[in-house]
């Protein structure tokens, strides 16, 4: 176990950040699933804007890699444009 005050504080801070990161990542995954299940093109467009923003925030905070976020956004954009065309 940690011996210094600063090390103990760091452990507490890391745990709080870990939980926050897990929550944000899980919430984003849930929204991605919701978007994938959507059949309505207009609703999908609105949801895509929100999901893209969430992915950008995760990438900015290094919760996920920027290429991972880009890849997900690209695939979702392709999905949404496919709905609009159909």
N, C-alpha and C. Protein backbone atom coordinates (compact mmCIF):
# COMPACT_ATOMS: atom_id res chain seq x y z
N UNK A 1 0.85 -1.20 0.00
CA UNK A 1 0.00 0.00 0.00
C UNK A 1 0.88 1.24 0.00
N UNK A 2 0.32 2.34 -0.47
CA UNK A 2 1.07 3.59 -0.58
C UNK A 2 1.43 4.14 0.80
N UNK A 3 2.59 4.76 0.86
CA UNK A 3 3.06 5.30 2.13
C UNK A 3 2.95 6.82 2.22
N UNK A 4 2.99 7.50 1.09
CA UNK A 4 2.97 8.95 1.09
C UNK A 4 1.56 9.48 0.90
N UNK A 5 1.32 10.67 1.47
CA UNK A 5 0.01 11.31 1.31
C UNK A 5 -0.33 11.51 -0.16
N UNK A 6 0.65 11.96 -0.92
CA UNK A 6 0.41 12.24 -2.34
C UNK A 6 0.07 10.97 -3.11
N UNK A 7 0.69 9.85 -2.72
CA UNK A 7 0.42 8.58 -3.39
C UNK A 7 -0.99 8.10 -3.07
N UNK A 8 -1.41 8.30 -1.84
CA UNK A 8 -2.77 7.90 -1.43
C UNK A 8 -3.80 8.75 -2.19
N UNK A 9 -3.51 10.06 -2.29
CA UNK A 9 -4.41 10.95 -3.02
C UNK A 9 -4.47 10.54 -4.50
N UNK A 10 -3.33 10.19 -5.07
CA UNK A 10 -3.26 9.79 -6.48
C UNK A 10 -4.11 8.55 -6.71
N UNK A 11 -4.08 7.59 -5.77
CA UNK A 11 -4.89 6.38 -5.88
C UNK A 11 -6.37 6.73 -5.90
N UNK A 12 -6.78 7.64 -5.01
CA UNK A 12 -8.18 8.08 -4.97
C UNK A 12 -8.58 8.76 -6.27
N UNK A 13 -7.71 9.66 -6.75
CA UNK A 13 -8.01 10.40 -7.97
C UNK A 13 -8.09 9.45 -9.17
N UNK A 14 -7.17 8.50 -9.25
CA UNK A 14 -7.17 7.55 -10.36
C UNK A 14 -8.44 6.72 -10.38
N UNK A 15 -8.90 6.31 -9.22
CA UNK A 15 -10.13 5.51 -9.14
C UNK A 15 -11.33 6.32 -9.59
N UNK A 16 -11.40 7.58 -9.18
CA UNK A 16 -12.51 8.45 -9.60
C UNK A 16 -12.49 8.65 -11.11
N UNK A 17 -11.31 8.88 -11.67
CA UNK A 17 -11.19 9.07 -13.12
C UNK A 17 -11.53 7.79 -13.86
N UNK A 18 -11.11 6.65 -13.33
CA UNK A 18 -11.39 5.37 -13.96
C UNK A 18 -12.91 5.14 -14.06
N UNK A 19 -13.61 5.42 -12.98
CA UNK A 19 -15.06 5.25 -12.97
C UNK A 19 -15.74 6.22 -13.95
N UNK A 20 -15.26 7.45 -13.99
CA UNK A 20 -15.83 8.44 -14.91
C UNK A 20 -15.60 8.01 -16.36
N UNK A 21 -14.39 7.55 -16.66
CA UNK A 21 -14.07 7.09 -18.01
C UNK A 21 -14.92 5.90 -18.41
N UNK A 22 -15.09 4.95 -17.48
CA UNK A 22 -15.92 3.77 -17.75
C UNK A 22 -17.35 4.18 -18.05
N UNK A 23 -17.88 5.12 -17.27
CA UNK A 23 -19.25 5.58 -17.45
C UNK A 23 -19.41 6.22 -18.83
N UNK A 24 -18.48 7.11 -19.19
CA UNK A 24 -18.58 7.80 -20.47
C UNK A 24 -18.46 6.83 -21.64
N UNK A 25 -17.53 5.88 -21.55
CA UNK A 25 -17.34 4.90 -22.63
C UNK A 25 -18.57 4.01 -22.76
N UNK A 26 -19.12 3.58 -21.63
CA UNK A 26 -20.29 2.70 -21.64
C UNK A 26 -21.51 3.43 -22.20
N UNK A 27 -21.68 4.69 -21.82
CA UNK A 27 -22.79 5.49 -22.31
C UNK A 27 -22.70 5.65 -23.82
N UNK A 28 -21.49 5.90 -24.31
CA UNK A 28 -21.28 6.04 -25.76
C UNK A 28 -21.61 4.75 -26.48
N UNK A 29 -21.17 3.62 -25.94
CA UNK A 29 -21.47 2.32 -26.56
C UNK A 29 -22.97 2.09 -26.62
N UNK A 30 -23.68 2.47 -25.58
CA UNK A 30 -25.13 2.31 -25.53
C UNK A 30 -25.79 3.15 -26.63
N UNK A 31 -25.32 4.39 -26.81
CA UNK A 31 -25.88 5.25 -27.85
C UNK A 31 -25.57 4.70 -29.24
N UNK A 32 -24.39 4.11 -29.41
CA UNK A 32 -24.04 3.52 -30.71
C UNK A 32 -25.00 2.37 -31.02
N UNK A 33 -25.29 1.53 -30.02
CA UNK A 33 -26.23 0.43 -30.22
C UNK A 33 -27.61 0.96 -30.56
N UNK A 34 -28.03 2.02 -29.87
CA UNK A 34 -29.33 2.62 -30.13
C UNK A 34 -29.40 3.15 -31.56
N UNK A 35 -28.30 3.77 -32.02
CA UNK A 35 -28.25 4.29 -33.38
C UNK A 35 -28.32 3.16 -34.39
N UNK A 36 -27.62 2.07 -34.16
CA UNK A 36 -27.60 0.93 -35.07
C UNK A 36 -28.98 0.27 -35.18
N UNK A 37 -29.78 0.34 -34.12
CA UNK A 37 -31.11 -0.27 -34.12
C UNK A 37 -32.17 0.63 -34.77
N UNK A 38 -31.81 1.90 -34.99
CA UNK A 38 -32.76 2.86 -35.55
C UNK A 38 -33.05 2.57 -37.01
N UNK A 39 -34.32 2.65 -37.38
CA UNK A 39 -34.74 2.45 -38.77
C UNK A 39 -35.14 3.78 -39.43
N UNK A 40 -35.44 4.78 -38.62
CA UNK A 40 -35.87 6.08 -39.12
C UNK A 40 -34.65 6.95 -39.46
N UNK A 41 -34.58 7.43 -40.71
CA UNK A 41 -33.41 8.19 -41.19
C UNK A 41 -33.24 9.52 -40.46
N UNK A 42 -34.34 10.22 -40.21
CA UNK A 42 -34.26 11.53 -39.54
C UNK A 42 -33.78 11.38 -38.11
N UNK A 43 -34.33 10.41 -37.42
CA UNK A 43 -33.91 10.14 -36.04
C UNK A 43 -32.44 9.72 -36.00
N UNK A 44 -32.04 8.92 -36.98
CA UNK A 44 -30.65 8.45 -37.05
C UNK A 44 -29.70 9.62 -37.26
N UNK A 45 -30.09 10.60 -38.08
CA UNK A 45 -29.26 11.78 -38.31
C UNK A 45 -29.00 12.54 -37.00
N UNK A 46 -30.07 12.75 -36.24
CA UNK A 46 -29.95 13.46 -34.97
C UNK A 46 -29.09 12.68 -33.98
N UNK A 47 -29.33 11.39 -33.92
CA UNK A 47 -28.57 10.54 -33.00
C UNK A 47 -27.11 10.48 -33.41
N UNK A 48 -26.84 10.48 -34.71
CA UNK A 48 -25.46 10.42 -35.20
C UNK A 48 -24.67 11.64 -34.74
N UNK A 49 -25.29 12.82 -34.79
CA UNK A 49 -24.61 14.04 -34.33
C UNK A 49 -24.17 13.91 -32.88
N UNK A 50 -25.06 13.38 -32.07
CA UNK A 50 -24.77 13.22 -30.63
C UNK A 50 -23.67 12.18 -30.42
N UNK A 51 -23.76 11.06 -31.12
CA UNK A 51 -22.78 9.99 -30.98
C UNK A 51 -21.40 10.44 -31.47
N UNK A 52 -21.36 11.15 -32.59
CA UNK A 52 -20.09 11.64 -33.13
C UNK A 52 -19.42 12.58 -32.13
N UNK A 53 -20.21 13.42 -31.51
CA UNK A 53 -19.69 14.33 -30.50
C UNK A 53 -19.13 13.56 -29.30
N UNK A 54 -19.86 12.54 -28.87
CA UNK A 54 -19.41 11.73 -27.74
C UNK A 54 -18.09 11.02 -28.06
N UNK A 55 -17.99 10.49 -29.28
CA UNK A 55 -16.76 9.81 -29.69
C UNK A 55 -15.59 10.78 -29.74
N UNK A 56 -15.84 11.99 -30.25
CA UNK A 56 -14.78 12.99 -30.29
C UNK A 56 -14.28 13.34 -28.90
N UNK A 57 -15.21 13.46 -27.95
CA UNK A 57 -14.83 13.78 -26.57
C UNK A 57 -14.00 12.65 -25.95
N UNK A 58 -14.40 11.40 -26.22
CA UNK A 58 -13.64 10.26 -25.70
C UNK A 58 -12.23 10.25 -26.27
N UNK A 59 -12.11 10.56 -27.54
CA UNK A 59 -10.79 10.58 -28.18
C UNK A 59 -9.94 11.73 -27.64
N UNK A 60 -10.57 12.87 -27.43
CA UNK A 60 -9.86 14.04 -26.93
C UNK A 60 -9.29 13.78 -25.53
N UNK A 61 -10.03 13.04 -24.72
CA UNK A 61 -9.59 12.74 -23.35
C UNK A 61 -8.76 11.47 -23.27
N UNK A 62 -8.42 10.90 -24.43
CA UNK A 62 -7.60 9.67 -24.50
C UNK A 62 -8.25 8.48 -23.81
N UNK A 63 -9.58 8.45 -23.78
CA UNK A 63 -10.27 7.28 -23.26
C UNK A 63 -10.26 6.20 -24.34
N UNK A 64 -10.44 6.63 -25.60
CA UNK A 64 -10.25 5.73 -26.74
C UNK A 64 -9.27 6.42 -27.68
N UNK A 65 -8.65 5.64 -28.56
CA UNK A 65 -7.69 6.20 -29.51
C UNK A 65 -8.42 7.01 -30.58
N UNK A 66 -7.77 8.06 -31.08
CA UNK A 66 -8.43 8.93 -32.07
C UNK A 66 -8.78 8.17 -33.35
N UNK A 67 -7.96 7.19 -33.74
CA UNK A 67 -8.26 6.41 -34.94
C UNK A 67 -9.47 5.51 -34.71
N UNK A 68 -9.60 5.01 -33.49
CA UNK A 68 -10.76 4.18 -33.12
C UNK A 68 -12.04 5.02 -33.23
N UNK A 69 -11.99 6.24 -32.72
CA UNK A 69 -13.15 7.14 -32.79
C UNK A 69 -13.48 7.45 -34.25
N UNK A 70 -12.45 7.72 -35.03
CA UNK A 70 -12.64 8.04 -36.45
C UNK A 70 -13.27 6.88 -37.19
N UNK A 71 -12.77 5.69 -36.91
CA UNK A 71 -13.28 4.47 -37.55
C UNK A 71 -14.76 4.26 -37.23
N UNK A 72 -15.11 4.40 -35.96
CA UNK A 72 -16.50 4.24 -35.54
C UNK A 72 -17.40 5.28 -36.20
N UNK A 73 -16.95 6.54 -36.22
CA UNK A 73 -17.74 7.61 -36.83
C UNK A 73 -17.95 7.35 -38.32
N UNK A 74 -16.91 6.88 -38.98
CA UNK A 74 -17.00 6.59 -40.41
C UNK A 74 -18.03 5.50 -40.69
N UNK A 75 -17.96 4.42 -39.93
CA UNK A 75 -18.90 3.31 -40.12
C UNK A 75 -20.33 3.73 -39.82
N UNK A 76 -20.50 4.53 -38.78
CA UNK A 76 -21.84 5.00 -38.42
C UNK A 76 -22.38 5.97 -39.47
N UNK A 77 -21.52 6.82 -40.00
CA UNK A 77 -21.94 7.76 -41.05
C UNK A 77 -22.40 7.00 -42.29
N UNK A 78 -21.67 5.94 -42.61
CA UNK A 78 -22.03 5.10 -43.75
C UNK A 78 -23.39 4.44 -43.51
N UNK A 79 -23.60 3.98 -42.28
CA UNK A 79 -24.88 3.36 -41.91
C UNK A 79 -26.03 4.36 -42.04
N UNK A 80 -25.82 5.58 -41.52
CA UNK A 80 -26.87 6.61 -41.54
C UNK A 80 -27.17 7.03 -42.97
N UNK A 81 -26.14 7.19 -43.80
CA UNK A 81 -26.39 7.59 -45.20
C UNK A 81 -27.11 6.49 -45.96
N UNK A 82 -26.87 5.23 -45.58
CA UNK A 82 -27.59 4.11 -46.17
C UNK A 82 -29.06 4.13 -45.83
N UNK A 83 -29.38 4.57 -44.61
CA UNK A 83 -30.78 4.70 -44.21
C UNK A 83 -31.48 5.79 -45.01
N UNK A 84 -30.76 6.90 -45.21
CA UNK A 84 -31.34 8.04 -45.92
C UNK A 84 -31.61 7.68 -47.39
N UNK A 85 -30.73 6.86 -47.98
CA UNK A 85 -30.89 6.49 -49.37
C UNK A 85 -32.06 5.51 -49.59
N UNK A 86 -32.30 4.70 -48.58
CA UNK A 86 -33.34 3.67 -48.72
C UNK A 86 -34.74 4.20 -48.53
